[in-house]
Amino acid sequence: MPSLGFGVYQNYTTSVSVLEALAVGYRHIDSAQAYRNEAHVGEAVSQSGISRGDIFITTKCINKTHGYESTLQGVDTSLAKFGFDYIDLFLIHDPMSGPERRLATYRALLEARDKGKVRSVGVSNYGLKHLQEIKSVGLELPAVNQIELHPFCQQKPIVSWCREHGIVIQAYCPLLRGQMDDKTLISIAQKYGRDPAHILLRWSLQSGYVPLPKSAMPARIRSNIKLYDFTLDAEDMARLDVLDRGAAGAISWNPVDHT
């Protein structure tokens, strides 16, 4: 899985944006059934001329579709919309369907993986309770947990548990949905001669996460990938680390505490 992804949530020019992202070097696209753009992602991949095997595709099933049979059907539907033979990573989008349905959904995704329709299975927005629930019934742990993650919402207990158990952390909303007016962030950006977006994404990468920036603007798509010719020093990483506000720092739905 490439360490930088391209998100397509609420992207109303998905095909064009994904083509641009692939052209400038992204090889990891993060979609979801709820985004209603899997077909557009598939079209862009087909039109890109890049081998399917060189592009990592993620999708997700949201709570209203959870359940064993409905999830198996949903995998087939997603494959048809993408126009792919397999999906690299399939996530449970959220834990909001309750213990019985989310476990049934997880078992269905494992079955889809064993049939070769899915390469890896993971979760999204899972808190400690939801992760421990999977472990408690003896199922293998997810490959990935995708959560809201940025300097202001660091989800430290979840991150710690995932690292202890070898679960990769993907970071959504890494760019704060454009709310980048924090004085510390701006100061660090000025020090490096970079945009605040670059600082946020470098922080995420250097923290060991897989950030998923999104944009429909070609210039921003091109800019966001220019992250590999500088690093943040330890002092500036620490300055960003202390910005954590816990759950109060979340800017998205962040349902990690849902029962």
Protein backbone atom coordinates (compact mmCIF):
# COMPACT_ATOMS: atom_id res chain seq x y z
CA MET A 1 0.00 0.00 0.00
CA PRO A 2 1.50 3.36 -1.01
CA SER A 3 2.12 5.60 2.00
CA LEU A 4 0.18 8.52 0.49
CA GLY A 5 -3.37 8.17 -0.78
CA PHE A 6 -5.79 10.32 -2.74
CA GLY A 7 -9.25 10.75 -1.22
CA VAL A 8 -12.38 11.23 -3.33
CA TYR A 9 -15.04 12.03 -0.73
CA GLN A 10 -17.50 14.63 -2.06
CA ASN A 11 -15.45 14.99 -5.22
CA TYR A 12 -17.87 15.89 -7.99
CA THR A 13 -15.22 15.71 -10.72
CA THR A 14 -13.92 12.34 -9.62
CA SER A 15 -12.83 10.97 -13.01
CA VAL A 16 -10.92 14.13 -13.89
CA SER A 17 -9.39 14.44 -10.42
CA VAL A 18 -8.28 10.81 -10.26
CA LEU A 19 -6.76 11.05 -13.73
CA GLU A 20 -4.80 14.10 -12.60
CA ALA A 21 -3.75 12.37 -9.39
CA LEU A 22 -2.53 9.31 -11.26
CA ALA A 23 -0.72 11.48 -13.81
CA VAL A 24 1.32 13.23 -11.11
CA GLY A 25 2.23 10.07 -9.26
CA TYR A 26 -0.47 8.99 -6.83
CA ARG A 27 -0.97 5.22 -6.85
CA HIS A 28 -3.43 4.88 -3.97
CA ILE A 29 -7.09 5.93 -4.35
CA ASP A 30 -9.50 5.94 -1.40
CA SER A 31 -13.19 5.59 -2.33
CA ALA A 32 -16.33 4.21 -0.64
CA GLN A 33 -19.72 2.90 -1.60
CA ALA A 34 -21.29 5.89 0.15
CA TYR A 35 -19.30 8.31 -2.02
CA ARG A 36 -21.16 7.07 -5.10
CA ASN A 37 -18.11 7.44 -7.30
CA GLU A 38 -16.62 3.95 -7.56
CA ALA A 39 -17.55 3.82 -11.25
CA HIS A 40 -15.82 7.15 -11.87
CA VAL A 41 -12.68 5.90 -10.13
CA GLY A 42 -12.76 2.79 -12.29
CA GLU A 43 -13.15 4.87 -15.44
CA ALA A 44 -10.14 7.00 -14.53
CA VAL A 45 -7.98 3.96 -13.79
CA SER A 46 -8.95 2.47 -17.14
CA GLN A 47 -8.26 5.70 -19.01
CA SER A 48 -4.95 6.34 -17.25
CA GLY A 49 -3.05 3.69 -19.14
CA ILE A 50 -1.47 2.56 -15.86
CA SER A 51 -1.58 -1.13 -15.06
CA ARG A 52 -4.32 -2.03 -12.58
CA GLY A 53 -1.72 -3.90 -10.54
CA ASP A 54 0.21 -0.68 -9.98
CA ILE A 55 -2.76 1.14 -8.40
CA PHE A 56 -4.03 0.46 -4.86
CA ILE A 57 -7.80 0.85 -4.55
CA THR A 58 -9.74 1.11 -1.30
CA THR A 59 -13.49 1.14 -0.82
CA LYS A 60 -15.81 0.85 2.19
CA CYS A 61 -19.28 -0.31 3.23
CA ILE A 62 -21.28 2.03 5.46
CA ASN A 63 -23.51 0.94 8.37
CA LYS A 64 -26.84 0.86 6.51
CA THR A 65 -25.44 -1.87 4.23
CA HIS A 66 -23.95 -3.99 7.02
CA GLY A 67 -24.83 -7.65 7.42
CA TYR A 68 -23.37 -10.89 6.10
CA GLU A 69 -25.32 -11.41 2.87
CA SER A 70 -25.69 -7.70 2.11
CA THR A 71 -21.93 -7.24 2.46
CA LEU A 72 -21.14 -10.12 0.10
CA GLN A 73 -23.58 -8.64 -2.41
CA GLY A 74 -22.04 -5.21 -1.85
CA VAL A 75 -18.56 -6.48 -2.69
CA ASP A 76 -19.86 -7.81 -6.02
CA THR A 77 -21.63 -4.53 -6.69
CA SER A 78 -18.49 -2.52 -5.99
CA LEU A 79 -16.43 -4.78 -8.24
CA ALA A 80 -18.94 -4.26 -11.04
CA LYS A 81 -18.98 -0.48 -10.57
CA PHE A 82 -15.19 -0.24 -10.54
CA GLY A 83 -14.91 -2.69 -13.42
CA PHE A 84 -12.21 -4.58 -11.51
CA ASP A 85 -11.53 -8.23 -10.76
CA TYR A 86 -10.46 -7.43 -7.21
CA ILE A 87 -10.32 -4.61 -4.68
CA ASP A 88 -7.04 -4.06 -2.82
CA LEU A 89 -8.54 -3.02 0.51
CA PHE A 90 -12.14 -3.22 1.70
CA LEU A 91 -13.05 -1.42 4.92
CA ILE A 92 -16.05 -1.42 7.21
CA HIS A 93 -16.77 2.30 6.96
CA ASP A 94 -17.96 2.74 10.54
CA PRO A 95 -19.00 0.74 13.64
CA MET A 96 -22.49 2.21 13.92
CA SER A 97 -24.52 -0.91 13.05
CA GLY A 98 -23.93 -2.56 16.43
CA PRO A 99 -21.87 -5.61 17.52
CA GLU A 100 -23.80 -8.36 15.74
CA ARG A 101 -24.01 -6.71 12.33
CA ARG A 102 -20.50 -5.30 12.28
CA LEU A 103 -19.03 -8.73 13.14
CA ALA A 104 -21.18 -10.36 10.46
CA THR A 105 -19.93 -7.74 8.01
CA TYR A 106 -16.34 -8.40 8.98
CA ARG A 107 -16.76 -12.16 8.50
CA ALA A 108 -18.27 -11.54 5.07
CA LEU A 109 -15.31 -9.40 4.03
CA LEU A 110 -12.90 -12.09 5.19
CA GLU A 111 -14.82 -14.58 3.05
CA ALA A 112 -14.64 -12.23 0.07
CA ARG A 113 -10.90 -11.99 0.62
CA ASP A 114 -10.54 -15.76 0.77
CA LYS A 115 -12.38 -15.96 -2.57
CA GLY A 116 -9.91 -13.51 -4.12
CA LYS A 117 -12.37 -10.66 -4.55
CA VAL A 118 -10.62 -8.55 -1.91
CA ARG A 119 -6.90 -8.52 -1.15
CA SER A 120 -7.03 -7.09 2.40
CA VAL A 121 -9.75 -6.34 4.96
CA GLY A 122 -9.83 -3.44 7.38
CA VAL A 123 -12.03 -1.06 9.31
CA SER A 124 -12.62 2.66 9.60
CA ASN A 125 -13.64 4.84 12.55
CA TYR A 126 -13.08 1.92 14.92
CA GLY A 127 -12.34 2.74 18.54
CA LEU A 128 -10.73 0.44 21.10
CA LYS A 129 -13.99 -1.32 21.93
CA HIS A 130 -14.65 -2.22 18.31
CA LEU A 131 -11.11 -3.45 17.70
CA GLN A 132 -11.11 -5.51 20.90
CA GLU A 133 -14.47 -6.96 19.89
CA ILE A 134 -12.88 -8.51 16.79
CA LYS A 135 -10.03 -9.91 18.83
CA SER A 136 -12.34 -11.28 21.53
CA VAL A 137 -14.22 -13.55 19.09
CA GLY A 138 -10.99 -14.98 17.71
CA LEU A 139 -11.03 -13.37 14.28
CA GLU A 140 -7.84 -12.12 12.72
CA LEU A 141 -7.31 -8.43 13.24
CA PRO A 142 -7.89 -5.89 10.46
CA ALA A 143 -4.98 -4.86 8.27
CA VAL A 144 -5.95 -1.18 8.51
CA ASN A 145 -7.91 1.22 10.70
CA GLN A 146 -8.77 4.46 8.89
CA ILE A 147 -9.54 7.27 11.35
CA GLU A 148 -9.63 11.04 11.50
CA LEU A 149 -6.06 11.97 12.31
CA HIS A 150 -4.13 15.24 12.31
CA PRO A 151 -2.21 17.27 14.91
CA PHE A 152 -5.42 18.52 16.56
CA CYS A 153 -7.08 15.07 16.79
CA GLN A 154 -4.41 12.43 17.35
CA GLN A 155 -6.54 9.57 18.73
CA LYS A 156 -3.58 8.38 20.80
CA PRO A 157 -5.17 5.37 22.58
CA ILE A 158 -6.45 3.97 19.28
CA VAL A 159 -3.12 4.57 17.53
CA SER A 160 -1.22 2.92 20.38
CA TRP A 161 -3.41 -0.19 20.32
CA CYS A 162 -3.19 -0.48 16.55
CA ARG A 163 0.59 -0.19 16.60
CA GLU A 164 0.84 -2.79 19.34
CA HIS A 165 -1.19 -5.18 17.19
CA GLY A 166 0.36 -4.42 13.80
CA ILE A 167 -2.59 -2.52 12.33
CA VAL A 168 -1.74 0.19 9.80
CA ILE A 169 -3.25 3.61 10.49
CA GLN A 170 -4.71 5.58 7.59
CA ALA A 171 -5.37 9.25 8.33
CA TYR A 172 -8.42 10.98 6.89
CA CYS A 173 -8.96 14.74 7.10
CA PRO A 174 -5.16 15.20 7.25
CA LEU A 175 -5.58 18.72 5.84
CA LEU A 176 -8.22 19.82 8.37
CA ARG A 177 -10.68 20.41 5.53
CA GLY A 178 -8.80 23.57 4.73
CA GLN A 179 -8.91 25.03 8.26
CA MET A 180 -5.17 25.73 8.34
CA ASP A 181 -4.96 29.05 10.19
CA ASP A 182 -3.27 27.82 13.39
CA LYS A 183 -0.35 30.09 14.32
CA THR A 184 2.03 27.23 15.09
CA LEU A 185 1.26 25.54 11.79
CA ILE A 186 1.74 28.76 9.85
CA SER A 187 5.00 29.48 11.64
CA ILE A 188 6.41 26.06 10.78
CA ALA A 189 5.27 26.41 7.16
CA GLN A 190 7.06 29.74 6.89
CA LYS A 191 10.23 28.25 8.37
CA TYR A 192 10.39 25.60 5.63
CA GLY A 193 9.05 27.80 2.84
CA ARG A 194 6.14 25.44 2.35
CA ASP A 195 2.35 25.49 2.40
CA PRO A 196 0.64 24.50 5.67
CA ALA A 197 -0.74 21.50 3.76
CA HIS A 198 2.78 20.22 3.16
CA ILE A 199 3.57 20.51 6.87
CA LEU A 200 0.45 18.58 7.87
CA LEU A 201 1.16 15.80 5.40
CA ARG A 202 4.83 15.55 6.38
CA TRP A 203 3.77 15.34 10.03
CA SER A 204 1.44 12.48 9.14
CA LEU A 205 4.04 10.60 7.10
CA GLN A 206 6.79 11.08 9.69
CA SER A 207 4.39 9.92 12.41
CA GLY A 208 4.00 6.64 10.54
CA TYR A 209 0.49 7.19 9.19
CA VAL A 210 -0.92 6.89 5.66
CA PRO A 211 -2.54 10.29 4.96
CA LEU A 212 -5.39 10.59 2.47
CA PRO A 213 -5.52 14.19 1.21
CA LYS A 214 -8.32 15.14 -1.15
CA SER A 215 -8.79 17.92 -3.64
CA ALA A 216 -10.62 18.59 -6.88
CA MET A 217 -8.22 21.40 -7.83
CA PRO A 218 -5.48 20.27 -10.26
CA ALA A 219 -2.91 22.68 -8.82
CA ARG A 220 -3.55 21.44 -5.28
CA ILE A 221 -3.49 17.79 -6.39
CA ARG A 222 -0.06 18.40 -7.91
CA SER A 223 1.17 20.36 -4.90
CA ASN A 224 0.06 17.89 -2.22
CA ILE A 225 2.32 15.15 -3.53
CA LYS A 226 5.49 17.27 -3.32
CA LEU A 227 6.47 15.95 0.10
CA TYR A 228 9.65 13.99 -0.37
CA ASP A 229 12.32 16.67 -0.69
CA PHE A 230 12.18 17.89 2.91
CA THR A 231 11.63 16.59 6.43
CA LEU A 232 10.42 18.21 9.63
CA ASP A 233 13.01 18.28 12.38
CA ALA A 234 12.31 16.78 15.81
CA GLU A 235 11.58 20.16 17.37
CA ASP A 236 8.88 21.00 14.83
CA MET A 237 7.34 17.53 15.06
CA ALA A 238 7.11 18.10 18.82
CA ARG A 239 5.51 21.52 18.30
CA LEU A 240 2.82 19.87 16.21
CA ASP A 241 2.41 16.94 18.59
CA VAL A 242 1.41 19.23 21.47
CA LEU A 243 -1.50 20.69 19.48
CA ASP A 244 -3.63 17.62 20.22
CA ARG A 245 -7.10 18.47 21.58
CA GLY A 246 -8.35 14.91 21.76
CA ALA A 247 -11.93 14.33 20.61
CA ALA A 248 -12.56 18.08 20.80
CA GLY A 249 -10.17 18.53 17.90
CA ALA A 250 -12.20 16.41 15.49
CA ILE A 251 -13.64 18.17 12.47
CA SER A 252 -15.52 15.20 11.00
CA TRP A 253 -18.04 12.66 12.32
CA ASN A 254 -15.38 10.58 14.14
CA PRO A 255 -17.74 7.86 15.54
CA VAL A 256 -14.98 5.97 17.36
CA ASP A 257 -16.95 5.94 20.63
CA HIS A 258 -20.20 4.61 19.15
CA THR A 259 -21.62 1.59 20.95
